[in-house]
Amino acid sequence: MPVREQQVSEIWAEVLALPEVDVDANFYDLGGHSLLLIDLVGRLNQKLGIETDIVTVLEHPTVVDFTAHWNSLPATDADR
């Protein structure tokens, strides 16, 4: 599993209180809800040094989709 995908997967599992998550599973299908979504976005931003938001996670609701979106963004100082 690529490093970024692993990082995102670990954060999702932590937020959802699961030992691990299937990278193709939808956040809501895994038990996610609006309050956990807010927590997820905060942890993604804090732990990964990125600036994402609720809408982005809703548009990319799997680890694979979210990571692909993240990889498509221009590199920031945090990525270098």
C-alpha atoms as a PDB file:
ATOM      1  CA  MET A   1       0.000   0.000   0.000  1.00  0.00           C
ATOM      2  CA  PRO A   2       1.412   3.435  -0.905  1.00  0.00           C
ATOM      3  CA  VAL A   3       2.526   5.598   2.036  1.00  0.00           C
ATOM      4  CA  ARG A   4      -0.158   8.253   1.656  1.00  0.00           C
ATOM      5  CA  GLU A   5      -2.878   5.641   1.317  1.00  0.00           C
ATOM      6  CA  GLN A   6      -1.586   3.932   4.466  1.00  0.00           C
ATOM      7  CA  GLN A   7      -1.583   7.239   6.370  1.00  0.00           C
ATOM      8  CA  VAL A   8      -5.157   8.045   5.349  1.00  0.00           C
ATOM      9  CA  SER A   9      -6.289   4.488   6.087  1.00  0.00           C
ATOM     10  CA  GLU A  10      -4.837   4.624   9.602  1.00  0.00           C
ATOM     11  CA  ILE A  11      -6.584   7.924  10.348  1.00  0.00           C
ATOM     12  CA  TRP A  12      -9.920   6.591   9.054  1.00  0.00           C
ATOM     13  CA  ALA A  13      -9.561   3.462  11.187  1.00  0.00           C
ATOM     14  CA  GLU A  14      -8.732   5.583  14.238  1.00  0.00           C
ATOM     15  CA  VAL A  15     -11.756   7.856  13.748  1.00  0.00           C
ATOM     16  CA  LEU A  16     -14.084   4.918  13.086  1.00  0.00           C
ATOM     17  CA  ALA A  17     -12.637   2.899  16.004  1.00  0.00           C
ATOM     18  CA  LEU A  18     -11.835  -0.010  13.696  1.00  0.00           C
ATOM     19  CA  PRO A  19      -8.657  -2.108  13.647  1.00  0.00           C
ATOM     20  CA  GLU A  20      -8.315  -1.385   9.914  1.00  0.00           C
ATOM     21  CA  VAL A  21     -10.394  -0.220   6.979  1.00  0.00           C
ATOM     22  CA  ASP A  22     -10.844  -1.542   3.471  1.00  0.00           C
ATOM     23  CA  VAL A  23      -9.421   1.208   1.252  1.00  0.00           C
ATOM     24  CA  ASP A  24     -12.337   0.789  -1.175  1.00  0.00           C
ATOM     25  CA  ALA A  25     -15.070   1.007   1.483  1.00  0.00           C
ATOM     26  CA  ASN A  26     -17.202   4.129   1.783  1.00  0.00           C
ATOM     27  CA  PHE A  27     -16.743   6.154   4.987  1.00  0.00           C
ATOM     28  CA  TYR A  28     -20.479   6.022   5.720  1.00  0.00           C
ATOM     29  CA  ASP A  29     -20.715   2.287   4.990  1.00  0.00           C
ATOM     30  CA  LEU A  30     -18.021   1.765   7.626  1.00  0.00           C
ATOM     31  CA  GLY A  31     -20.166   3.462  10.264  1.00  0.00           C
ATOM     32  CA  GLY A  32     -19.183   7.061   9.663  1.00  0.00           C
ATOM     33  CA  HIS A  33     -21.609   9.913  10.304  1.00  0.00           C
ATOM     34  CA  SER A  34     -21.526  13.710  10.289  1.00  0.00           C
ATOM     35  CA  LEU A  35     -19.844  14.115  13.682  1.00  0.00           C
ATOM     36  CA  LEU A  36     -17.162  11.580  12.814  1.00  0.00           C
ATOM     37  CA  LEU A  37     -16.691  13.328   9.475  1.00  0.00           C
ATOM     38  CA  ILE A  38     -15.824  16.562  11.296  1.00  0.00           C
ATOM     39  CA  ASP A  39     -13.332  14.635  13.451  1.00  0.00           C
ATOM     40  CA  LEU A  40     -11.881  12.929  10.366  1.00  0.00           C
ATOM     41  CA  VAL A  41     -11.292  16.212   8.544  1.00  0.00           C
ATOM     42  CA  GLY A  42      -9.604  17.710  11.604  1.00  0.00           C
ATOM     43  CA  ARG A  43      -7.287  14.737  12.010  1.00  0.00           C
ATOM     44  CA  LEU A  44      -6.435  14.599   8.300  1.00  0.00           C
ATOM     45  CA  ASN A  45      -5.481  18.271   8.379  1.00  0.00           C
ATOM     46  CA  GLN A  46      -3.524  18.012  11.617  1.00  0.00           C
ATOM     47  CA  LYS A  47      -1.709  14.722  11.103  1.00  0.00           C
ATOM     48  CA  LEU A  48      -1.013  15.064   7.384  1.00  0.00           C
ATOM     49  CA  GLY A  49      -0.403  18.807   7.271  1.00  0.00           C
ATOM     50  CA  ILE A  50      -2.982  19.284   4.534  1.00  0.00           C
ATOM     51  CA  GLU A  51      -5.978  21.556   4.164  1.00  0.00           C
ATOM     52  CA  THR A  52      -9.028  19.521   3.296  1.00  0.00           C
ATOM     53  CA  ASP A  53     -12.678  20.016   4.145  1.00  0.00           C
ATOM     54  CA  ILE A  54     -15.925  18.163   4.644  1.00  0.00           C
ATOM     55  CA  VAL A  55     -17.056  18.611   1.045  1.00  0.00           C
ATOM     56  CA  THR A  56     -13.847  17.063  -0.284  1.00  0.00           C
ATOM     57  CA  VAL A  57     -14.266  13.973   1.888  1.00  0.00           C
ATOM     58  CA  LEU A  58     -17.919  13.707   0.843  1.00  0.00           C
ATOM     59  CA  GLU A  59     -16.847  13.875  -2.814  1.00  0.00           C
ATOM     60  CA  HIS A  60     -14.081  11.283  -2.224  1.00  0.00           C
ATOM     61  CA  PRO A  61     -15.588   8.930   0.399  1.00  0.00           C
ATOM     62  CA  THR A  62     -13.104   6.058   0.179  1.00  0.00           C
ATOM     63  CA  VAL A  63      -9.455   5.980   1.195  1.00  0.00           C
ATOM     64  CA  VAL A  64      -8.475   5.244  -2.410  1.00  0.00           C
ATOM     65  CA  ASP A  65     -10.544   8.109  -3.830  1.00  0.00           C
ATOM     66  CA  PHE A  66      -9.448  10.604  -1.183  1.00  0.00           C
ATOM     67  CA  THR A  67      -5.777   9.684  -1.596  1.00  0.00           C
ATOM     68  CA  ALA A  68      -6.023   9.948  -5.394  1.00  0.00           C
ATOM     69  CA  HIS A  69      -7.514  13.417  -4.976  1.00  0.00           C
ATOM     70  CA  TRP A  70      -4.752  14.391  -2.529  1.00  0.00           C
ATOM     71  CA  ASN A  71      -2.108  13.103  -4.961  1.00  0.00           C
ATOM     72  CA  SER A  72      -3.601  15.198  -7.773  1.00  0.00           C
ATOM     73  CA  LEU A  73      -3.139  18.469  -5.869  1.00  0.00           C
ATOM     74  CA  PRO A  74      -0.079  20.689  -6.352  1.00  0.00           C
ATOM     75  CA  ALA A  75       2.679  19.936  -3.847  1.00  0.00           C
ATOM     76  CA  THR A  76       2.841  22.140  -0.766  1.00  0.00           C
ATOM     77  CA  ASP A  77       5.713  22.738   1.626  1.00  0.00           C
ATOM     78  CA  ALA A  78       4.289  19.969   3.845  1.00  0.00           C
ATOM     79  CA  ASP A  79       4.579  17.514   0.944  1.00  0.00           C
ATOM     80  CA  ARG A  80       8.231  18.264   0.225  1.00  0.00           C
END
